Amino acid sequence: MNLKLKICGMKYRDNILDVIKYRPDYLGFIFYPGSPRYAGDSMEELSTLDIPPSIKKTGVFVNESTDKIKQVALSITLDTVQLH
């Protein structure tokens, strides 16, 4: 079995830098404004983080338009998208 680890709810720079030391397969960033872990306010900062390419940045979206998902994905170079 080949398990993959995704750590979700990433929002704060220091927390993200601590988590990437453990080399998860995916980091999840929530782009649903109703969530207390909403990362949309941190998008500019997220785009400057040096996340190793082996860790896939995943955007989590809830009932969002395709255009908005594309805009966010391009602005912070998401590797994957998770839809709810």
PDB file of N, CA and C in Angstrom:
ATOM      1  N   MET A   1       0.838  -1.164   0.000  1.00  0.00           N
ATOM      2  CA  MET A   1       0.000   0.000   0.000  1.00  0.00           C
ATOM      3  C   MET A   1       0.894   1.242   0.000  1.00  0.00           C
ATOM      4  N   ASN A   2       0.513   2.215  -0.813  1.00  0.00           N
ATOM      5  CA  ASN A   2       1.265   3.464  -0.911  1.00  0.00           C
ATOM      6  C   ASN A   2       0.404   4.604  -0.382  1.00  0.00           C
ATOM      7  N   LEU A   3       0.524   4.894   0.907  1.00  0.00           N
ATOM      8  CA  LEU A   3      -0.260   5.954   1.526  1.00  0.00           C
ATOM      9  C   LEU A   3       0.316   7.322   1.201  1.00  0.00           C
ATOM     10  N   LYS A   4      -0.574   8.296   1.084  1.00  0.00           N
ATOM     11  CA  LYS A   4      -0.188   9.691   0.873  1.00  0.00           C
ATOM     12  C   LYS A   4      -0.702  10.501   2.049  1.00  0.00           C
ATOM     13  N   LEU A   5       0.054  11.515   2.449  1.00  0.00           N
ATOM     14  CA  LEU A   5      -0.327  12.359   3.574  1.00  0.00           C
ATOM     15  C   LEU A   5      -0.635  13.769   3.081  1.00  0.00           C
ATOM     16  N   LYS A   6      -1.828  14.248   3.436  1.00  0.00           N
ATOM     17  CA  LYS A   6      -2.219  15.626   3.143  1.00  0.00           C
ATOM     18  C   LYS A   6      -2.503  16.315   4.466  1.00  0.00           C
ATOM     19  N   ILE A   7      -1.894  17.457   4.677  1.00  0.00           N
ATOM     20  CA  ILE A   7      -2.160  18.263   5.863  1.00  0.00           C
ATOM     21  C   ILE A   7      -2.909  19.492   5.380  1.00  0.00           C
ATOM     22  N   CYS A   8      -4.094  19.678   5.922  1.00  0.00           N
ATOM     23  CA  CYS A   8      -4.988  20.712   5.409  1.00  0.00           C
ATOM     24  C   CYS A   8      -5.151  21.851   6.406  1.00  0.00           C
ATOM     25  N   GLY A   9      -5.693  22.934   5.916  1.00  0.00           N
ATOM     26  CA  GLY A   9      -5.962  24.088   6.761  1.00  0.00           C
ATOM     27  C   GLY A   9      -4.764  24.988   6.943  1.00  0.00           C
ATOM     28  N   MET A  10      -3.821  24.913   6.025  1.00  0.00           N
ATOM     29  CA  MET A  10      -2.625  25.740   6.118  1.00  0.00           C
ATOM     30  C   MET A  10      -3.004  27.202   5.881  1.00  0.00           C
ATOM     31  N   LYS A  11      -2.535  28.057   6.763  1.00  0.00           N
ATOM     32  CA  LYS A  11      -2.896  29.468   6.673  1.00  0.00           C
ATOM     33  C   LYS A  11      -1.748  30.388   7.097  1.00  0.00           C
ATOM     34  N   TYR A  12      -1.044  29.998   8.127  1.00  0.00           N
ATOM     35  CA  TYR A  12      -0.021  30.873   8.698  1.00  0.00           C
ATOM     36  C   TYR A  12       1.378  30.449   8.266  1.00  0.00           C
ATOM     37  N   ARG A  13       2.166  31.421   7.870  1.00  0.00           N
ATOM     38  CA  ARG A  13       3.510  31.185   7.335  1.00  0.00           C
ATOM     39  C   ARG A  13       4.366  30.313   8.249  1.00  0.00           C
ATOM     40  N   ASP A  14       4.454  30.667   9.517  1.00  0.00           N
ATOM     41  CA  ASP A  14       5.307  29.907  10.444  1.00  0.00           C
ATOM     42  C   ASP A  14       4.846  28.455  10.560  1.00  0.00           C
ATOM     43  N   ASN A  15       3.536  28.257  10.599  1.00  0.00           N
ATOM     44  CA  ASN A  15       2.985  26.908  10.681  1.00  0.00           C
ATOM     45  C   ASN A  15       3.329  26.117   9.426  1.00  0.00           C
ATOM     46  N   ILE A  16       3.194  26.739   8.271  1.00  0.00           N
ATOM     47  CA  ILE A  16       3.508  26.076   6.999  1.00  0.00           C
ATOM     48  C   ILE A  16       4.980  25.682   6.962  1.00  0.00           C
ATOM     49  N   LEU A  17       5.848  26.586   7.376  1.00  0.00           N
ATOM     50  CA  LEU A  17       7.286  26.290   7.360  1.00  0.00           C
ATOM     51  C   LEU A  17       7.625  25.142   8.312  1.00  0.00           C
ATOM     52  N   ASP A  18       6.941  25.073   9.453  1.00  0.00           N
ATOM     53  CA  ASP A  18       7.154  23.953  10.378  1.00  0.00           C
ATOM     54  C   ASP A  18       6.676  22.638   9.761  1.00  0.00           C
ATOM     55  N   VAL A  19       5.509  22.663   9.133  1.00  0.00           N
ATOM     56  CA  VAL A  19       4.915  21.449   8.574  1.00  0.00           C
ATOM     57  C   VAL A  19       5.733  20.899   7.411  1.00  0.00           C
ATOM     58  N   ILE A  20       6.277  21.758   6.562  1.00  0.00           N
ATOM     59  CA  ILE A  20       7.006  21.243   5.393  1.00  0.00           C
ATOM     60  C   ILE A  20       8.281  20.500   5.784  1.00  0.00           C
ATOM     61  N   LYS A  21       8.753  20.703   6.986  1.00  0.00           N
ATOM     62  CA  LYS A  21       9.917  19.947   7.462  1.00  0.00           C
ATOM     63  C   LYS A  21       9.628  18.448   7.513  1.00  0.00           C
ATOM     64  N   TYR A  22       8.350  18.093   7.667  1.00  0.00           N
ATOM     65  CA  TYR A  22       7.951  16.689   7.760  1.00  0.00           C
ATOM     66  C   TYR A  22       7.643  16.076   6.393  1.00  0.00           C
ATOM     67  N   ARG A  23       7.749  16.875   5.350  1.00  0.00           N
ATOM     68  CA  ARG A  23       7.589  16.412   3.964  1.00  0.00           C
ATOM     69  C   ARG A  23       6.283  15.653   3.697  1.00  0.00           C
ATOM     70  N   PRO A  24       5.135  16.282   3.989  1.00  0.00           N
ATOM     71  CA  PRO A  24       3.886  15.634   3.595  1.00  0.00           C
ATOM     72  C   PRO A  24       3.798  15.609   2.067  1.00  0.00           C
ATOM     73  N   ASP A  25       2.918  14.789   1.548  1.00  0.00           N
ATOM     74  CA  ASP A  25       2.742  14.730   0.095  1.00  0.00           C
ATOM     75  C   ASP A  25       1.968  15.939  -0.427  1.00  0.00           C
ATOM     76  N   TYR A  26       1.026  16.417   0.383  1.00  0.00           N
ATOM     77  CA  TYR A  26       0.162  17.534  -0.010  1.00  0.00           C
ATOM     78  C   TYR A  26      -0.004  18.504   1.140  1.00  0.00           C
ATOM     79  N   LEU A  27      -0.111  19.790   0.802  1.00  0.00           N
ATOM     80  CA  LEU A  27      -0.515  20.814   1.755  1.00  0.00           C
ATOM     81  C   LEU A  27      -1.831  21.375   1.250  1.00  0.00           C
ATOM     82  N   GLY A  28      -2.844  21.429   2.120  1.00  0.00           N
ATOM     83  CA  GLY A  28      -4.153  21.930   1.725  1.00  0.00           C
ATOM     84  C   GLY A  28      -4.377  23.360   2.192  1.00  0.00           C
ATOM     85  N   PHE A  29      -4.842  24.188   1.260  1.00  0.00           N
ATOM     86  CA  PHE A  29      -5.154  25.590   1.536  1.00  0.00           C
ATOM     87  C   PHE A  29      -6.638  25.787   1.251  1.00  0.00           C
ATOM     88  N   ILE A  30      -7.383  26.229   2.239  1.00  0.00           N
ATOM     89  CA  ILE A  30      -8.829  26.352   2.116  1.00  0.00           C
ATOM     90  C   ILE A  30      -9.191  27.718   1.557  1.00  0.00           C
ATOM     91  N   PHE A  31      -9.949  27.702   0.471  1.00  0.00           N
ATOM     92  CA  PHE A  31     -10.398  28.933  -0.169  1.00  0.00           C
ATOM     93  C   PHE A  31     -11.914  29.050  -0.103  1.00  0.00           C
ATOM     94  N   TYR A  32     -12.432  28.771   1.068  1.00  0.00           N
ATOM     95  CA  TYR A  32     -13.854  28.937   1.353  1.00  0.00           C
ATOM     96  C   TYR A  32     -13.958  30.012   2.432  1.00  0.00           C
ATOM     97  N   PRO A  33     -14.486  31.197   2.072  1.00  0.00           N
ATOM     98  CA  PRO A  33     -14.514  32.314   3.033  1.00  0.00           C
ATOM     99  C   PRO A  33     -15.216  32.006   4.343  1.00  0.00           C
ATOM    100  N   GLY A  34     -16.100  31.031   4.377  1.00  0.00           N
ATOM    101  CA  GLY A  34     -16.800  30.687   5.613  1.00  0.00           C
ATOM    102  C   GLY A  34     -15.972  29.879   6.591  1.00  0.00           C
ATOM    103  N   SER A  35     -14.787  29.465   6.190  1.00  0.00           N
ATOM    104  CA  SER A  35     -13.944  28.646   7.065  1.00  0.00           C
ATOM    105  C   SER A  35     -13.034  29.517   7.923  1.00  0.00           C
ATOM    106  N   PRO A  36     -12.856  29.150   9.200  1.00  0.00           N
ATOM    107  CA  PRO A  36     -11.898  29.889  10.030  1.00  0.00           C
ATOM    108  C   PRO A  36     -10.453  29.702   9.543  1.00  0.00           C
ATOM    109  N   ARG A  37     -10.228  28.710   8.701  1.00  0.00           N
ATOM    110  CA  ARG A  37      -8.886  28.469   8.150  1.00  0.00           C
ATOM    111  C   ARG A  37      -8.763  28.993   6.723  1.00  0.00           C
ATOM    112  N   TYR A  38      -9.626  29.926   6.360  1.00  0.00           N
ATOM    113  CA  TYR A  38      -9.630  30.532   5.032  1.00  0.00           C
ATOM    114  C   TYR A  38      -8.266  31.133   4.718  1.00  0.00           C
ATOM    115  N   ALA A  39      -7.664  30.684   3.632  1.00  0.00           N
ATOM    116  CA  ALA A  39      -6.312  31.131   3.269  1.00  0.00           C
ATOM    117  C   ALA A  39      -6.316  32.251   2.238  1.00  0.00           C
ATOM    118  N   GLY A  40      -7.505  32.644   1.782  1.00  0.00           N
ATOM    119  CA  GLY A  40      -7.597  33.655   0.728  1.00  0.00           C
ATOM    120  C   GLY A  40      -6.999  34.992   1.099  1.00  0.00           C
ATOM    121  N   ASP A  41      -7.030  35.343   2.380  1.00  0.00           N
ATOM    122  CA  ASP A  41      -6.447  36.614   2.822  1.00  0.00           C
ATOM    123  C   ASP A  41      -4.923  36.574   2.807  1.00  0.00           C
ATOM    124  N   SER A  42      -4.356  35.377   2.686  1.00  0.00           N
ATOM    125  CA  SER A  42      -2.907  35.199   2.735  1.00  0.00           C
ATOM    126  C   SER A  42      -2.323  34.834   1.375  1.00  0.00           C
ATOM    127  N   MET A  43      -3.092  34.986   0.300  1.00  0.00           N
ATOM    128  CA  MET A  43      -2.656  34.494  -1.012  1.00  0.00           C
ATOM    129  C   MET A  43      -1.324  35.090  -1.464  1.00  0.00           C
ATOM    130  N   GLU A  44      -1.135  36.377  -1.256  1.00  0.00           N
ATOM    131  CA  GLU A  44       0.123  36.996  -1.689  1.00  0.00           C
ATOM    132  C   GLU A  44       1.307  36.394  -0.940  1.00  0.00           C
ATOM    133  N   GLU A  45       1.150  36.207   0.348  1.00  0.00           N
ATOM    134  CA  GLU A  45       2.219  35.604   1.153  1.00  0.00           C
ATOM    135  C   GLU A  45       2.442  34.142   0.763  1.00  0.00           C
ATOM    136  N   LEU A  46       1.354  33.416   0.507  1.00  0.00           N
ATOM    137  CA  LEU A  46       1.471  32.009   0.122  1.00  0.00           C
ATOM    138  C   LEU A  46       2.248  31.855  -1.172  1.00  0.00           C
ATOM    139  N   SER A  47       2.077  32.787  -2.088  1.00  0.00           N
ATOM    140  CA  SER A  47       2.747  32.675  -3.388  1.00  0.00           C
ATOM    141  C   SER A  47       4.259  32.848  -3.273  1.00  0.00           C
ATOM    142  N   THR A  48       4.727  33.410  -2.172  1.00  0.00           N
ATOM    143  CA  THR A  48       6.167  33.640  -2.001  1.00  0.00           C
ATOM    144  C   THR A  48       6.853  32.546  -1.189  1.00  0.00           C
ATOM    145  N   LEU A  49       6.077  31.607  -0.646  1.00  0.00           N
ATOM    146  CA  LEU A  49       6.676  30.544   0.168  1.00  0.00           C
ATOM    147  C   LEU A  49       7.477  29.582  -0.691  1.00  0.00           C
ATOM    148  N   ASP A  50       8.588  29.146  -0.159  1.00  0.00           N
ATOM    149  CA  ASP A  50       9.441  28.188  -0.859  1.00  0.00           C
ATOM    150  C   ASP A  50       9.048  26.768  -0.435  1.00  0.00           C
ATOM    151  N   ILE A  51       7.974  26.283  -1.038  1.00  0.00           N
ATOM    152  CA  ILE A  51       7.502  24.928  -0.746  1.00  0.00           C
ATOM    153  C   ILE A  51       8.161  23.990  -1.750  1.00  0.00           C
ATOM    154  N   PRO A  52       8.837  22.953  -1.276  1.00  0.00           N
ATOM    155  CA  PRO A  52       9.516  22.029  -2.199  1.00  0.00           C
ATOM    156  C   PRO A  52       8.538  21.459  -3.232  1.00  0.00           C
ATOM    157  N   PRO A  53       8.988  21.257  -4.463  1.00  0.00           N
ATOM    158  CA  PRO A  53       8.099  20.750  -5.506  1.00  0.00           C
ATOM    159  C   PRO A  53       7.544  19.356  -5.219  1.00  0.00           C
ATOM    160  N   SER A  54       8.183  18.614  -4.334  1.00  0.00           N
ATOM    161  CA  SER A  54       7.674  17.283  -3.986  1.00  0.00           C
ATOM    162  C   SER A  54       6.401  17.368  -3.140  1.00  0.00           C
ATOM    163  N   ILE A  55       6.142  18.522  -2.541  1.00  0.00           N
ATOM    164  CA  ILE A  55       4.930  18.740  -1.751  1.00  0.00           C
ATOM    165  C   ILE A  55       3.935  19.477  -2.640  1.00  0.00           C
ATOM    166  N   LYS A  56       2.835  18.831  -2.937  1.00  0.00           N
ATOM    167  CA  LYS A  56       1.844  19.386  -3.856  1.00  0.00           C
ATOM    168  C   LYS A  56       0.904  20.324  -3.111  1.00  0.00           C
ATOM    169  N   LYS A  57       0.791  21.554  -3.625  1.00  0.00           N
ATOM    170  CA  LYS A  57      -0.113  22.543  -3.039  1.00  0.00           C
ATOM    171  C   LYS A  57      -1.525  22.268  -3.560  1.00  0.00           C
ATOM    172  N   THR A  58      -2.442  22.063  -2.617  1.00  0.00           N
ATOM    173  CA  THR A  58      -3.816  21.731  -2.955  1.00  0.00           C
ATOM    174  C   THR A  58      -4.755  22.836  -2.484  1.00  0.00           C
ATOM    175  N   GLY A  59      -5.544  23.347  -3.401  1.00  0.00           N
ATOM    176  CA  GLY A  59      -6.565  24.328  -3.060  1.00  0.00           C
ATOM    177  C   GLY A  59      -7.877  23.621  -2.799  1.00  0.00           C
ATOM    178  N   VAL A  60      -8.502  23.936  -1.678  1.00  0.00           N
ATOM    179  CA  VAL A  60      -9.785  23.330  -1.308  1.00  0.00           C
ATOM    180  C   VAL A  60     -10.874  24.388  -1.521  1.00  0.00           C
ATOM    181  N   PHE A  61     -11.851  24.052  -2.358  1.00  0.00           N
ATOM    182  CA  PHE A  61     -12.900  24.998  -2.731  1.00  0.00           C
ATOM    183  C   PHE A  61     -14.272  24.406  -2.438  1.00  0.00           C
ATOM    184  N   VAL A  62     -15.205  25.255  -2.010  1.00  0.00           N
ATOM    185  CA  VAL A  62     -16.575  24.834  -1.718  1.00  0.00           C
ATOM    186  C   VAL A  62     -17.521  25.617  -2.626  1.00  0.00           C
ATOM    187  N   ASN A  63     -18.194  24.908  -3.531  1.00  0.00           N
ATOM    188  CA  ASN A  63     -19.195  25.521  -4.411  1.00  0.00           C
ATOM    189  C   ASN A  63     -18.684  26.792  -5.088  1.00  0.00           C
ATOM    190  N   GLU A  64     -17.482  26.759  -5.596  1.00  0.00           N
ATOM    191  CA  GLU A  64     -16.856  27.933  -6.207  1.00  0.00           C
ATOM    192  C   GLU A  64     -16.944  27.845  -7.727  1.00  0.00           C
ATOM    193  N   SER A  65     -16.923  28.991  -8.381  1.00  0.00           N
ATOM    194  CA  SER A  65     -16.982  29.024  -9.845  1.00  0.00           C
ATOM    195  C   SER A  65     -15.661  28.541 -10.440  1.00  0.00           C
ATOM    196  N   THR A  66     -15.757  28.010 -11.630  1.00  0.00           N
ATOM    197  CA  THR A  66     -14.562  27.539 -12.338  1.00  0.00           C
ATOM    198  C   THR A  66     -13.583  28.687 -12.553  1.00  0.00           C
ATOM    199  N   ASP A  67     -14.091  29.852 -12.896  1.00  0.00           N
ATOM    200  CA  ASP A  67     -13.210  31.009 -13.131  1.00  0.00           C
ATOM    201  C   ASP A  67     -12.434  31.389 -11.873  1.00  0.00           C
ATOM    202  N   LYS A  68     -13.105  31.392 -10.734  1.00  0.00           N
ATOM    203  CA  LYS A  68     -12.432  31.736  -9.475  1.00  0.00           C
ATOM    204  C   LYS A  68     -11.374  30.689  -9.124  1.00  0.00           C
ATOM    205  N   ILE A  69     -11.703  29.418  -9.322  1.00  0.00           N
ATOM    206  CA  ILE A  69     -10.738  28.352  -9.038  1.00  0.00           C
ATOM    207  C   ILE A  69      -9.511  28.514  -9.915  1.00  0.00           C
ATOM    208  N   LYS A  70      -9.711  28.778 -11.191  1.00  0.00           N
ATOM    209  CA  LYS A  70      -8.576  28.981 -12.106  1.00  0.00           C
ATOM    210  C   LYS A  70      -7.741  30.182 -11.689  1.00  0.00           C
ATOM    211  N   GLN A  71      -8.397  31.264 -11.312  1.00  0.00           N
ATOM    212  CA  GLN A  71      -7.683  32.483 -10.918  1.00  0.00           C
ATOM    213  C   GLN A  71      -6.790  32.228  -9.704  1.00  0.00           C
ATOM    214  N   VAL A  72      -7.338  31.557  -8.702  1.00  0.00           N
ATOM    215  CA  VAL A  72      -6.565  31.245  -7.491  1.00  0.00           C
ATOM    216  C   VAL A  72      -5.442  30.267  -7.822  1.00  0.00           C
ATOM    217  N   ALA A  73      -5.770  29.236  -8.592  1.00  0.00           N
ATOM    218  CA  ALA A  73      -4.779  28.208  -8.937  1.00  0.00           C
ATOM    219  C   ALA A  73      -3.583  28.810  -9.664  1.00  0.00           C
ATOM    220  N   LEU A  74      -3.832  29.728 -10.551  1.00  0.00           N
ATOM    221  CA  LEU A  74      -2.731  30.365 -11.289  1.00  0.00           C
ATOM    222  C   LEU A  74      -1.956  31.344 -10.421  1.00  0.00           C
ATOM    223  N   SER A  75      -2.652  32.060  -9.547  1.00  0.00           N
ATOM    224  CA  SER A  75      -1.971  33.098  -8.766  1.00  0.00           C
ATOM    225  C   SER A  75      -1.000  32.529  -7.739  1.00  0.00           C
ATOM    226  N   ILE A  76      -1.288  31.337  -7.204  1.00  0.00           N
ATOM    227  CA  ILE A  76      -0.343  30.761  -6.236  1.00  0.00           C
ATOM    228  C   ILE A  76       0.186  29.406  -6.704  1.00  0.00           C
ATOM    229  N   THR A  77       0.065  29.145  -7.971  1.00  0.00           N
ATOM    230  CA  THR A  77       0.562  27.906  -8.593  1.00  0.00           C
ATOM    231  C   THR A  77       0.171  26.638  -7.836  1.00  0.00           C
ATOM    232  N   LEU A  78      -1.128  26.421  -7.751  1.00  0.00           N
ATOM    233  CA  LEU A  78      -1.606  25.182  -7.125  1.00  0.00           C
ATOM    234  C   LEU A  78      -1.256  24.000  -8.015  1.00  0.00           C
ATOM    235  N   ASP A  79      -0.988  22.864  -7.389  1.00  0.00           N
ATOM    236  CA  ASP A  79      -0.730  21.621  -8.121  1.00  0.00           C
ATOM    237  C   ASP A  79      -1.985  20.786  -8.282  1.00  0.00           C
ATOM    238  N   THR A  80      -2.866  20.863  -7.282  1.00  0.00           N
ATOM    239  CA  THR A  80      -4.105  20.093  -7.315  1.00  0.00           C
ATOM    240  C   THR A  80      -5.230  20.927  -6.728  1.00  0.00           C
ATOM    241  N   VAL A  81      -6.458  20.489  -7.020  1.00  0.00           N
ATOM    242  CA  VAL A  81      -7.645  21.160  -6.525  1.00  0.00           C
ATOM    243  C   VAL A  81      -8.561  20.110  -5.912  1.00  0.00           C
ATOM    244  N   GLN A  82      -9.135  20.444  -4.783  1.00  0.00           N
ATOM    245  CA  GLN A  82     -10.101  19.563  -4.126  1.00  0.00           C
ATOM    246  C   GLN A  82     -11.422  20.315  -4.077  1.00  0.00           C
ATOM    247  N   LEU A  83     -12.485  19.670  -4.555  1.00  0.00           N
ATOM    248  CA  LEU A  83     -13.792  20.333  -4.616  1.00  0.00           C
ATOM    249  C   LEU A  83     -14.759  19.743  -3.609  1.00  0.00           C
ATOM    250  N   HIS A  84     -15.557  20.625  -3.005  1.00  0.00           N
ATOM    251  CA  HIS A  84     -16.623  20.206  -2.084  1.00  0.00           C
ATOM    252  C   HIS A  84     -17.900  20.866  -2.540  1.00  0.00           C
TER     253      HIS A  84
END
